[in-house]
Amino acid sequence: MDRTGRSRLRFCEQEDESKPNEQTANTAGRIVINSTIGIGGLIDIASKIGIPGHDNDFGITLGKNGIAEGSYLVLPFAGPMPPRDLLGTAVDRAFDPLTHVRFHGKDTWLVVRIGIGVLDGRASTLDEVETIERSSIDFYAATRSLYRQSRNAKINDGKTTPADDLPNL
């Protein structure tokens, strides 16, 4: 149900990027299939029939619309990210459907959901982080560079920037 709710937000973000494409169509298909056949989003039927999900957030939407990323920050409980992505995370949380629904135990549910998301994200990247930590001279600089490369690839739909944009040292 959580992924279906977030899929609705992803769809709006992809539409806001002013270029409907295959990702937008896939997201719309995922919403329809998971909301109906998937019992209101409880079961992810769309993945099982081959409709891929896409990682998108409001920070990527801001980047595609020309908003600069700003300084790279490492904040407690927010993690490492530039202000553009921090704003994107805040907007994503504000527009999350569960933010506005009222039910008994909602606050506990939201804290647990965020906590599980943090643990899942950490667990899924634990090996890579340890490898980077062992192999880099400056772990902070390496992490910042990899984060920026990853975000730029998502913003530019996987296209790399031309070598002409690099400074002539």
N, C-alpha and C. Protein backbone atom coordinates (compact mmCIF):
# COMPACT_ATOMS: atom_id res chain seq x y z
N MET A 1 0.83 -1.18 0.00
CA MET A 1 0.00 0.00 0.00
C MET A 1 0.88 1.25 0.00
N ASP A 2 1.99 1.18 0.73
CA ASP A 2 2.91 2.29 0.81
C ASP A 2 3.49 2.62 -0.56
N ARG A 3 3.88 1.60 -1.31
CA ARG A 3 4.46 1.84 -2.64
C ARG A 3 3.44 2.39 -3.62
N THR A 4 2.20 1.93 -3.51
CA THR A 4 1.16 2.44 -4.40
C THR A 4 0.89 3.91 -4.10
N GLY A 5 0.84 4.28 -2.83
CA GLY A 5 0.66 5.68 -2.46
C GLY A 5 1.80 6.54 -2.98
N ARG A 6 3.01 6.03 -2.85
CA ARG A 6 4.16 6.78 -3.35
C ARG A 6 4.20 6.78 -4.86
N SER A 7 3.66 5.76 -5.50
CA SER A 7 3.61 5.74 -6.96
C SER A 7 2.77 6.89 -7.48
N ARG A 8 1.71 7.23 -6.76
CA ARG A 8 0.88 8.38 -7.16
C ARG A 8 1.71 9.66 -7.13
N LEU A 9 2.53 9.80 -6.11
CA LEU A 9 3.40 10.97 -6.01
C LEU A 9 4.44 10.95 -7.13
N ARG A 10 5.02 9.79 -7.42
CA ARG A 10 6.01 9.67 -8.51
C ARG A 10 5.38 10.06 -9.84
N PHE A 11 4.13 9.64 -10.05
CA PHE A 11 3.43 9.98 -11.29
C PHE A 11 3.31 11.49 -11.43
N CYS A 12 2.91 12.17 -10.36
CA CYS A 12 2.78 13.63 -10.39
C CYS A 12 4.13 14.29 -10.65
N GLU A 13 5.19 13.76 -10.05
CA GLU A 13 6.52 14.32 -10.27
C GLU A 13 6.96 14.12 -11.71
N GLN A 14 6.70 12.94 -12.27
CA GLN A 14 7.08 12.68 -13.65
C GLN A 14 6.29 13.55 -14.61
N GLU A 15 5.02 13.78 -14.32
CA GLU A 15 4.22 14.67 -15.15
C GLU A 15 4.71 16.10 -15.05
N ASP A 16 5.16 16.50 -13.85
CA ASP A 16 5.66 17.85 -13.64
C ASP A 16 6.95 18.09 -14.42
N GLU A 17 7.67 17.03 -14.73
CA GLU A 17 8.91 17.18 -15.49
C GLU A 17 8.64 17.50 -16.95
N SER A 18 7.40 17.63 -17.30
CA SER A 18 6.96 18.11 -18.61
C SER A 18 7.41 17.25 -19.78
N LYS A 19 7.69 15.99 -19.52
CA LYS A 19 7.97 15.11 -20.65
C LYS A 19 7.49 13.71 -20.33
N PRO A 20 6.20 13.49 -20.54
CA PRO A 20 5.68 12.14 -20.32
C PRO A 20 6.45 11.14 -21.18
N ASN A 21 6.82 10.04 -20.60
CA ASN A 21 7.60 9.04 -21.31
C ASN A 21 7.21 7.66 -20.82
N GLU A 22 8.05 6.69 -21.10
CA GLU A 22 7.76 5.31 -20.72
C GLU A 22 7.67 5.16 -19.20
N GLN A 23 8.51 5.90 -18.46
CA GLN A 23 8.45 5.83 -17.01
C GLN A 23 7.09 6.31 -16.48
N THR A 24 6.60 7.39 -17.06
CA THR A 24 5.30 7.92 -16.64
C THR A 24 4.20 6.90 -16.93
N ALA A 25 4.24 6.30 -18.11
CA ALA A 25 3.24 5.28 -18.47
C ALA A 25 3.34 4.08 -17.54
N ASN A 26 4.57 3.64 -17.23
CA ASN A 26 4.74 2.51 -16.31
C ASN A 26 4.19 2.84 -14.93
N THR A 27 4.46 4.04 -14.46
CA THR A 27 3.97 4.43 -13.13
C THR A 27 2.44 4.47 -13.12
N ALA A 28 1.84 5.03 -14.16
CA ALA A 28 0.37 5.05 -14.24
C ALA A 28 -0.19 3.63 -14.27
N GLY A 29 0.44 2.76 -15.05
CA GLY A 29 0.01 1.36 -15.10
C GLY A 29 0.15 0.67 -13.76
N ARG A 30 1.24 0.95 -13.04
CA ARG A 30 1.44 0.36 -11.72
C ARG A 30 0.35 0.81 -10.75
N ILE A 31 -0.02 2.08 -10.82
CA ILE A 31 -1.07 2.60 -9.92
C ILE A 31 -2.38 1.87 -10.18
N VAL A 32 -2.77 1.76 -11.45
CA VAL A 32 -4.04 1.13 -11.81
C VAL A 32 -4.03 -0.35 -11.42
N ILE A 33 -2.98 -1.07 -11.78
CA ILE A 33 -2.94 -2.51 -11.52
C ILE A 33 -2.86 -2.80 -10.02
N ASN A 34 -1.95 -2.12 -9.31
CA ASN A 34 -1.79 -2.40 -7.89
C ASN A 34 -2.98 -1.92 -7.06
N SER A 35 -3.66 -0.87 -7.52
CA SER A 35 -4.83 -0.39 -6.77
C SER A 35 -6.05 -1.27 -6.98
N THR A 36 -6.13 -1.95 -8.11
CA THR A 36 -7.30 -2.80 -8.39
C THR A 36 -6.99 -4.27 -8.11
N ILE A 37 -6.17 -4.87 -8.94
CA ILE A 37 -5.86 -6.29 -8.78
C ILE A 37 -5.05 -6.54 -7.52
N GLY A 38 -4.21 -5.57 -7.14
CA GLY A 38 -3.36 -5.71 -5.97
C GLY A 38 -4.03 -5.36 -4.66
N ILE A 39 -5.35 -5.37 -4.63
CA ILE A 39 -6.15 -5.14 -3.42
C ILE A 39 -5.75 -3.82 -2.77
N GLY A 40 -5.94 -2.76 -3.50
CA GLY A 40 -5.68 -1.42 -2.97
C GLY A 40 -4.22 -1.12 -2.74
N GLY A 41 -3.34 -1.89 -3.38
CA GLY A 41 -1.92 -1.65 -3.23
C GLY A 41 -1.25 -2.52 -2.19
N LEU A 42 -1.98 -3.46 -1.61
CA LEU A 42 -1.38 -4.35 -0.61
C LEU A 42 -0.40 -5.33 -1.25
N ILE A 43 -0.64 -5.69 -2.50
CA ILE A 43 0.22 -6.63 -3.21
C ILE A 43 0.76 -5.92 -4.45
N ASP A 44 2.05 -6.08 -4.70
CA ASP A 44 2.69 -5.45 -5.87
C ASP A 44 2.59 -6.40 -7.06
N ILE A 45 1.42 -6.41 -7.69
CA ILE A 45 1.18 -7.26 -8.86
C ILE A 45 1.96 -6.74 -10.06
N ALA A 46 2.10 -5.43 -10.20
CA ALA A 46 2.75 -4.83 -11.37
C ALA A 46 4.18 -5.34 -11.55
N SER A 47 4.93 -5.46 -10.46
CA SER A 47 6.31 -5.97 -10.57
C SER A 47 6.31 -7.42 -11.02
N LYS A 48 5.32 -8.18 -10.54
CA LYS A 48 5.26 -9.60 -10.88
C LYS A 48 4.92 -9.83 -12.35
N ILE A 49 4.24 -8.87 -12.99
CA ILE A 49 3.91 -9.04 -14.41
C ILE A 49 4.86 -8.25 -15.30
N GLY A 50 5.92 -7.67 -14.69
CA GLY A 50 6.99 -7.07 -15.50
C GLY A 50 6.91 -5.57 -15.72
N ILE A 51 6.11 -4.85 -14.96
CA ILE A 51 6.08 -3.39 -15.07
C ILE A 51 7.00 -2.84 -14.00
N PRO A 52 8.16 -2.30 -14.41
CA PRO A 52 9.14 -1.87 -13.41
C PRO A 52 8.73 -0.59 -12.69
N GLY A 53 9.15 -0.49 -11.45
CA GLY A 53 8.98 0.74 -10.69
C GLY A 53 10.16 1.65 -10.97
N HIS A 54 10.01 2.93 -10.70
CA HIS A 54 11.08 3.88 -10.96
C HIS A 54 11.35 4.70 -9.71
N ASP A 55 12.63 4.93 -9.48
CA ASP A 55 13.05 5.73 -8.35
C ASP A 55 13.04 7.19 -8.78
N ASN A 56 12.13 7.95 -8.25
CA ASN A 56 12.04 9.37 -8.58
C ASN A 56 11.61 10.09 -7.32
N ASP A 57 12.06 11.31 -7.17
CA ASP A 57 11.64 12.12 -6.03
C ASP A 57 11.61 13.58 -6.46
N PHE A 58 11.13 14.42 -5.58
CA PHE A 58 10.97 15.83 -5.93
C PHE A 58 12.31 16.53 -6.11
N GLY A 59 13.37 16.03 -5.47
CA GLY A 59 14.71 16.57 -5.68
C GLY A 59 15.14 16.39 -7.13
N ILE A 60 14.82 15.24 -7.72
CA ILE A 60 15.14 15.00 -9.13
C ILE A 60 14.31 15.93 -10.01
N THR A 61 13.04 16.11 -9.67
CA THR A 61 12.18 17.02 -10.42
C THR A 61 12.74 18.44 -10.37
N LEU A 62 13.18 18.89 -9.20
CA LEU A 62 13.78 20.22 -9.09
C LEU A 62 15.04 20.32 -9.94
N GLY A 63 15.87 19.27 -9.92
CA GLY A 63 17.08 19.26 -10.73
C GLY A 63 16.79 19.31 -12.22
N LYS A 64 15.77 18.58 -12.66
CA LYS A 64 15.41 18.60 -14.08
C LYS A 64 14.85 19.95 -14.50
N ASN A 65 14.36 20.71 -13.53
CA ASN A 65 13.85 22.04 -13.83
C ASN A 65 14.88 23.14 -13.60
N GLY A 66 16.15 22.75 -13.45
CA GLY A 66 17.24 23.71 -13.41
C GLY A 66 17.62 24.27 -12.06
N ILE A 67 17.09 23.73 -10.97
CA ILE A 67 17.45 24.21 -9.64
C ILE A 67 18.82 23.63 -9.27
N ALA A 68 19.76 24.48 -8.91
CA ALA A 68 21.10 24.03 -8.53
C ALA A 68 21.05 23.26 -7.22
N GLU A 69 21.99 22.33 -7.05
CA GLU A 69 21.95 21.47 -5.87
C GLU A 69 22.43 22.16 -4.60
N GLY A 70 23.33 23.09 -4.68
CA GLY A 70 23.84 23.77 -3.49
C GLY A 70 24.94 22.97 -2.82
N SER A 71 25.32 23.37 -1.63
CA SER A 71 26.40 22.71 -0.89
C SER A 71 25.95 21.32 -0.42
N TYR A 72 26.91 20.44 -0.31
CA TYR A 72 26.65 19.10 0.17
C TYR A 72 26.66 19.13 1.69
N LEU A 73 25.56 18.73 2.31
CA LEU A 73 25.42 18.78 3.76
C LEU A 73 25.32 17.37 4.33
N VAL A 74 25.85 17.20 5.52
CA VAL A 74 25.65 15.95 6.26
C VAL A 74 24.95 16.33 7.55
N LEU A 75 23.67 16.01 7.63
CA LEU A 75 22.85 16.40 8.78
C LEU A 75 22.42 15.17 9.57
N PRO A 76 22.39 15.29 10.90
CA PRO A 76 21.91 14.16 11.70
C PRO A 76 20.45 13.83 11.35
N PHE A 77 20.15 12.58 11.25
CA PHE A 77 18.82 12.05 10.97
C PHE A 77 18.33 12.34 9.55
N ALA A 78 18.95 13.24 8.83
CA ALA A 78 18.56 13.50 7.43
C ALA A 78 19.55 12.85 6.49
N GLY A 79 20.78 12.68 6.94
CA GLY A 79 21.80 12.06 6.11
C GLY A 79 22.48 13.07 5.21
N PRO A 80 23.36 12.57 4.36
CA PRO A 80 24.11 13.46 3.47
C PRO A 80 23.32 13.79 2.21
N MET A 81 23.15 15.09 1.96
CA MET A 81 22.46 15.52 0.75
C MET A 81 22.55 17.03 0.62
N PRO A 82 22.45 17.56 -0.60
CA PRO A 82 22.43 19.01 -0.78
C PRO A 82 21.05 19.58 -0.44
N PRO A 83 20.96 20.89 -0.25
CA PRO A 83 19.67 21.51 0.11
C PRO A 83 18.54 21.21 -0.88
N ARG A 84 18.84 21.12 -2.18
CA ARG A 84 17.79 20.81 -3.17
C ARG A 84 17.14 19.47 -2.85
N ASP A 85 17.95 18.47 -2.53
CA ASP A 85 17.40 17.15 -2.23
C ASP A 85 16.75 17.11 -0.85
N LEU A 86 17.23 17.93 0.08
CA LEU A 86 16.60 18.04 1.38
C LEU A 86 15.20 18.63 1.23
N LEU A 87 15.08 19.67 0.41
CA LEU A 87 13.77 20.25 0.10
C LEU A 87 12.88 19.22 -0.60
N GLY A 88 13.47 18.49 -1.54
CA GLY A 88 12.71 17.45 -2.25
C GLY A 88 12.17 16.39 -1.30
N THR A 89 12.98 15.98 -0.32
CA THR A 89 12.53 15.00 0.67
C THR A 89 11.39 15.56 1.50
N ALA A 90 11.50 16.83 1.90
CA ALA A 90 10.43 17.47 2.68
C ALA A 90 9.13 17.53 1.88
N VAL A 91 9.22 17.87 0.60
CA VAL A 91 8.02 17.94 -0.24
C VAL A 91 7.43 16.54 -0.42
N ASP A 92 8.28 15.54 -0.65
CA ASP A 92 7.79 14.17 -0.78
C ASP A 92 7.04 13.73 0.47
N ARG A 93 7.57 14.04 1.62
CA ARG A 93 6.90 13.66 2.88
C ARG A 93 5.60 14.43 3.06
N ALA A 94 5.60 15.71 2.68
CA ALA A 94 4.39 16.53 2.84
C ALA A 94 3.26 16.02 1.94
N PHE A 95 3.60 15.51 0.76
CA PHE A 95 2.59 15.05 -0.18
C PHE A 95 2.34 13.54 -0.10
N ASP A 96 2.98 12.88 0.83
CA ASP A 96 2.74 11.46 1.05
C ASP A 96 1.31 11.30 1.54
N PRO A 97 0.50 10.44 0.93
CA PRO A 97 -0.91 10.29 1.34
C PRO A 97 -1.08 9.96 2.82
N LEU A 98 -0.17 9.21 3.41
CA LEU A 98 -0.32 8.84 4.82
C LEU A 98 -0.09 10.02 5.76
N THR A 99 0.51 11.10 5.26
CA THR A 99 0.72 12.28 6.10
C THR A 99 -0.61 12.91 6.47
N HIS A 100 -1.61 12.81 5.61
CA HIS A 100 -2.87 13.52 5.80
C HIS A 100 -4.02 12.64 6.26
N VAL A 101 -3.81 11.35 6.35
CA VAL A 101 -4.84 10.43 6.82
C VAL A 101 -4.81 10.40 8.34
N ARG A 102 -5.99 10.34 8.96
CA ARG A 102 -6.06 10.29 10.42
C ARG A 102 -6.55 8.92 10.87
N PHE A 103 -5.79 8.32 11.76
CA PHE A 103 -6.19 7.06 12.36
C PHE A 103 -5.44 6.88 13.67
N HIS A 104 -5.94 6.00 14.52
CA HIS A 104 -5.32 5.74 15.81
C HIS A 104 -3.95 5.10 15.59
N GLY A 105 -2.92 5.65 16.21
CA GLY A 105 -1.57 5.11 16.08
C GLY A 105 -0.82 5.62 14.86
N LYS A 106 -1.32 6.66 14.23
CA LYS A 106 -0.70 7.20 13.01
C LYS A 106 0.75 7.61 13.25
N ASP A 107 1.01 8.33 14.34
CA ASP A 107 2.37 8.81 14.61
C ASP A 107 3.34 7.65 14.77
N THR A 108 2.92 6.63 15.49
CA THR A 108 3.75 5.45 15.66
C THR A 108 4.01 4.78 14.31
N TRP A 109 2.97 4.65 13.51
CA TRP A 109 3.09 4.06 12.18
C TRP A 109 4.10 4.82 11.33
N LEU A 110 4.03 6.15 11.32
CA LEU A 110 4.94 6.96 10.51
C LEU A 110 6.38 6.83 10.99
N VAL A 111 6.59 6.85 12.30
CA VAL A 111 7.95 6.72 12.83
C VAL A 111 8.53 5.35 12.49
N VAL A 112 7.72 4.30 12.67
CA VAL A 112 8.18 2.95 12.35
C VAL A 112 8.47 2.83 10.86
N ARG A 113 7.61 3.39 10.02
CA ARG A 113 7.81 3.32 8.57
C ARG A 113 9.09 4.02 8.16
N ILE A 114 9.34 5.20 8.71
CA ILE A 114 10.57 5.93 8.38
C ILE A 114 11.78 5.15 8.90
N GLY A 115 11.68 4.62 10.11
CA GLY A 115 12.78 3.85 10.68
C GLY A 115 13.10 2.61 9.87
N ILE A 116 12.08 1.90 9.44
CA ILE A 116 12.30 0.71 8.61
C ILE A 116 12.91 1.11 7.27
N GLY A 117 12.45 2.24 6.71
CA GLY A 117 13.03 2.73 5.46
C GLY A 117 14.50 3.05 5.60
N VAL A 118 14.88 3.68 6.71
CA VAL A 118 16.29 4.01 6.97
C VAL A 118 17.10 2.72 7.11
N LEU A 119 16.60 1.78 7.90
CA LEU A 119 17.30 0.51 8.08
C LEU A 119 17.43 -0.26 6.77
N ASP A 120 16.37 -0.28 5.98
CA ASP A 120 16.40 -0.98 4.70
C ASP A 120 17.41 -0.33 3.75
N GLY A 121 17.41 1.00 3.72
CA GLY A 121 18.37 1.70 2.86
C GLY A 121 19.80 1.45 3.29
N ARG A 122 20.03 1.46 4.58
CA ARG A 122 21.37 1.21 5.11
C ARG A 122 21.80 -0.22 4.83
N ALA A 123 20.90 -1.18 5.06
CA ALA A 123 21.23 -2.58 4.85
C ALA A 123 21.50 -2.88 3.38
N SER A 124 20.77 -2.23 2.48
CA SER A 124 20.95 -2.51 1.05
C SER A 124 22.25 -1.93 0.50
N THR A 125 22.85 -0.97 1.20
CA THR A 125 24.10 -0.37 0.71
C THR A 125 25.29 -0.65 1.62
N LEU A 126 25.12 -1.50 2.62
CA LEU A 126 26.17 -1.74 3.60
C LEU A 126 27.47 -2.23 2.98
N ASP A 127 27.40 -3.21 2.09
CA ASP A 127 28.61 -3.75 1.46
C ASP A 127 29.32 -2.69 0.62
N GLU A 128 28.54 -1.92 -0.15
CA GLU A 128 29.15 -0.89 -0.99
C GLU A 128 29.81 0.19 -0.15
N VAL A 129 29.16 0.60 0.93
CA VAL A 129 29.74 1.63 1.79
C VAL A 129 31.03 1.14 2.43
N GLU A 130 31.04 -0.11 2.88
CA GLU A 130 32.26 -0.66 3.48
C GLU A 130 33.38 -0.73 2.46
N THR A 131 33.07 -1.10 1.21
CA THR A 131 34.08 -1.15 0.16
C THR A 131 34.64 0.24 -0.12
N ILE A 132 33.78 1.23 -0.21
CA ILE A 132 34.23 2.60 -0.44
C ILE A 132 35.07 3.08 0.73
N GLU A 133 34.66 2.77 1.94
CA GLU A 133 35.39 3.20 3.13
C GLU A 133 36.79 2.59 3.18
N ARG A 134 36.91 1.32 2.79
CA ARG A 134 38.22 0.66 2.79
C ARG A 134 39.12 1.16 1.67
N SER A 135 38.53 1.47 0.50
CA SER A 135 39.36 1.76 -0.67
C SER A 135 39.61 3.25 -0.92
N SER A 136 38.95 4.13 -0.21
CA SER A 136 39.13 5.56 -0.49
C SER A 136 40.06 6.21 0.51
N ILE A 137 40.78 7.20 0.04
CA ILE A 137 41.66 7.97 0.91
C ILE A 137 40.82 8.92 1.76
N ASP A 138 39.86 9.58 1.13
CA ASP A 138 38.97 10.52 1.83
C ASP A 138 37.53 10.02 1.66
N PHE A 139 37.03 9.34 2.68
CA PHE A 139 35.71 8.74 2.60
C PHE A 139 34.62 9.77 2.34
N TYR A 140 34.69 10.91 3.00
CA TYR A 140 33.69 11.97 2.81
C TYR A 140 33.68 12.45 1.37
N ALA A 141 34.86 12.75 0.80
CA ALA A 141 34.94 13.24 -0.58
C ALA A 141 34.45 12.18 -1.57
N ALA A 142 34.80 10.93 -1.32
CA ALA A 142 34.36 9.85 -2.21
C ALA A 142 32.85 9.69 -2.16
N THR A 143 32.28 9.73 -0.95
CA THR A 143 30.83 9.60 -0.78
C THR A 143 30.12 10.76 -1.47
N ARG A 144 30.61 11.97 -1.27
CA ARG A 144 30.01 13.15 -1.90
C ARG A 144 30.06 13.04 -3.42
N SER A 145 31.20 12.64 -3.95
CA SER A 145 31.34 12.52 -5.41
C SER A 145 30.41 11.46 -5.98
N LEU A 146 30.33 10.32 -5.33
CA LEU A 146 29.45 9.25 -5.81
C LEU A 146 27.98 9.64 -5.71
N TYR A 147 27.62 10.34 -4.63
CA TYR A 147 26.24 10.80 -4.48
C TYR A 147 25.88 11.75 -5.62
N ARG A 148 26.76 12.71 -5.87
CA ARG A 148 26.49 13.70 -6.93
C ARG A 148 26.42 13.03 -8.30
N GLN A 149 27.31 12.08 -8.57
CA GLN A 149 27.26 11.37 -9.85
C GLN A 149 25.95 10.61 -10.01
N SER A 150 25.54 9.95 -8.93
CA SER A 150 24.29 9.18 -8.97
C SER A 150 23.09 10.09 -9.21
N ARG A 151 23.01 11.20 -8.49
CA ARG A 151 21.89 12.13 -8.65
C ARG A 151 21.90 12.76 -10.04
N ASN A 152 23.08 13.16 -10.53
CA ASN A 152 23.16 13.75 -11.87
C ASN A 152 22.73 12.76 -12.94
N ALA A 153 23.08 11.48 -12.76
CA ALA A 153 22.64 10.46 -13.72
C ALA A 153 21.12 10.33 -13.71
N LYS A 154 20.50 10.39 -12.53
CA LYS A 154 19.03 10.31 -12.45
C LYS A 154 18.39 11.56 -13.05
N ILE A 155 18.97 12.71 -12.80
CA ILE A 155 18.41 13.97 -13.32
C ILE A 155 18.53 14.02 -14.84
N ASN A 156 19.64 13.51 -15.37
CA ASN A 156 19.89 13.57 -16.81
C ASN A 156 19.47 12.29 -17.53
N ASP A 157 18.64 11.49 -16.90
CA ASP A 157 18.14 10.23 -17.48
C ASP A 157 19.27 9.30 -17.91
N GLY A 158 20.33 9.25 -17.11
CA GLY A 158 21.44 8.34 -17.37
C GLY A 158 22.48 8.87 -18.33
N LYS A 159 22.27 10.05 -18.88
CA LYS A 159 23.24 10.63 -19.81
C LYS A 159 24.35 11.31 -19.02
N THR A 160 25.58 11.10 -19.43
CA THR A 160 26.70 11.76 -18.76
C THR A 160 26.91 13.15 -19.36
N THR A 161 27.55 14.00 -18.58
CA THR A 161 27.84 15.34 -19.08
C THR A 161 29.06 15.27 -20.00
N PRO A 162 29.07 16.09 -21.04
CA PRO A 162 30.20 16.05 -21.98
C PRO A 162 31.48 16.53 -21.30
N ALA A 163 32.62 16.06 -21.82
CA ALA A 163 33.92 16.42 -21.27
C ALA A 163 34.21 17.91 -21.45
N ASP A 164 33.51 18.58 -22.37
CA ASP A 164 33.73 20.01 -22.59
C ASP A 164 33.34 20.83 -21.37
N ASP A 165 32.45 20.31 -20.52
CA ASP A 165 32.01 21.04 -19.35
C ASP A 165 33.00 20.98 -18.20
N LEU A 166 34.03 20.13 -18.34
CA LEU A 166 35.01 19.99 -17.27
C LEU A 166 35.98 21.17 -17.29
N PRO A 167 36.45 21.59 -16.12
CA PRO A 167 37.40 22.70 -16.08
C PRO A 167 38.75 22.29 -16.66
N ASN A 168 39.42 23.23 -17.28
CA ASN A 168 40.74 22.98 -17.86
C ASN A 168 41.77 23.28 -16.79
N LEU A 169 42.29 22.25 -16.16
CA LEU A 169 43.26 22.43 -15.08
C LEU A 169 44.64 22.39 -15.66
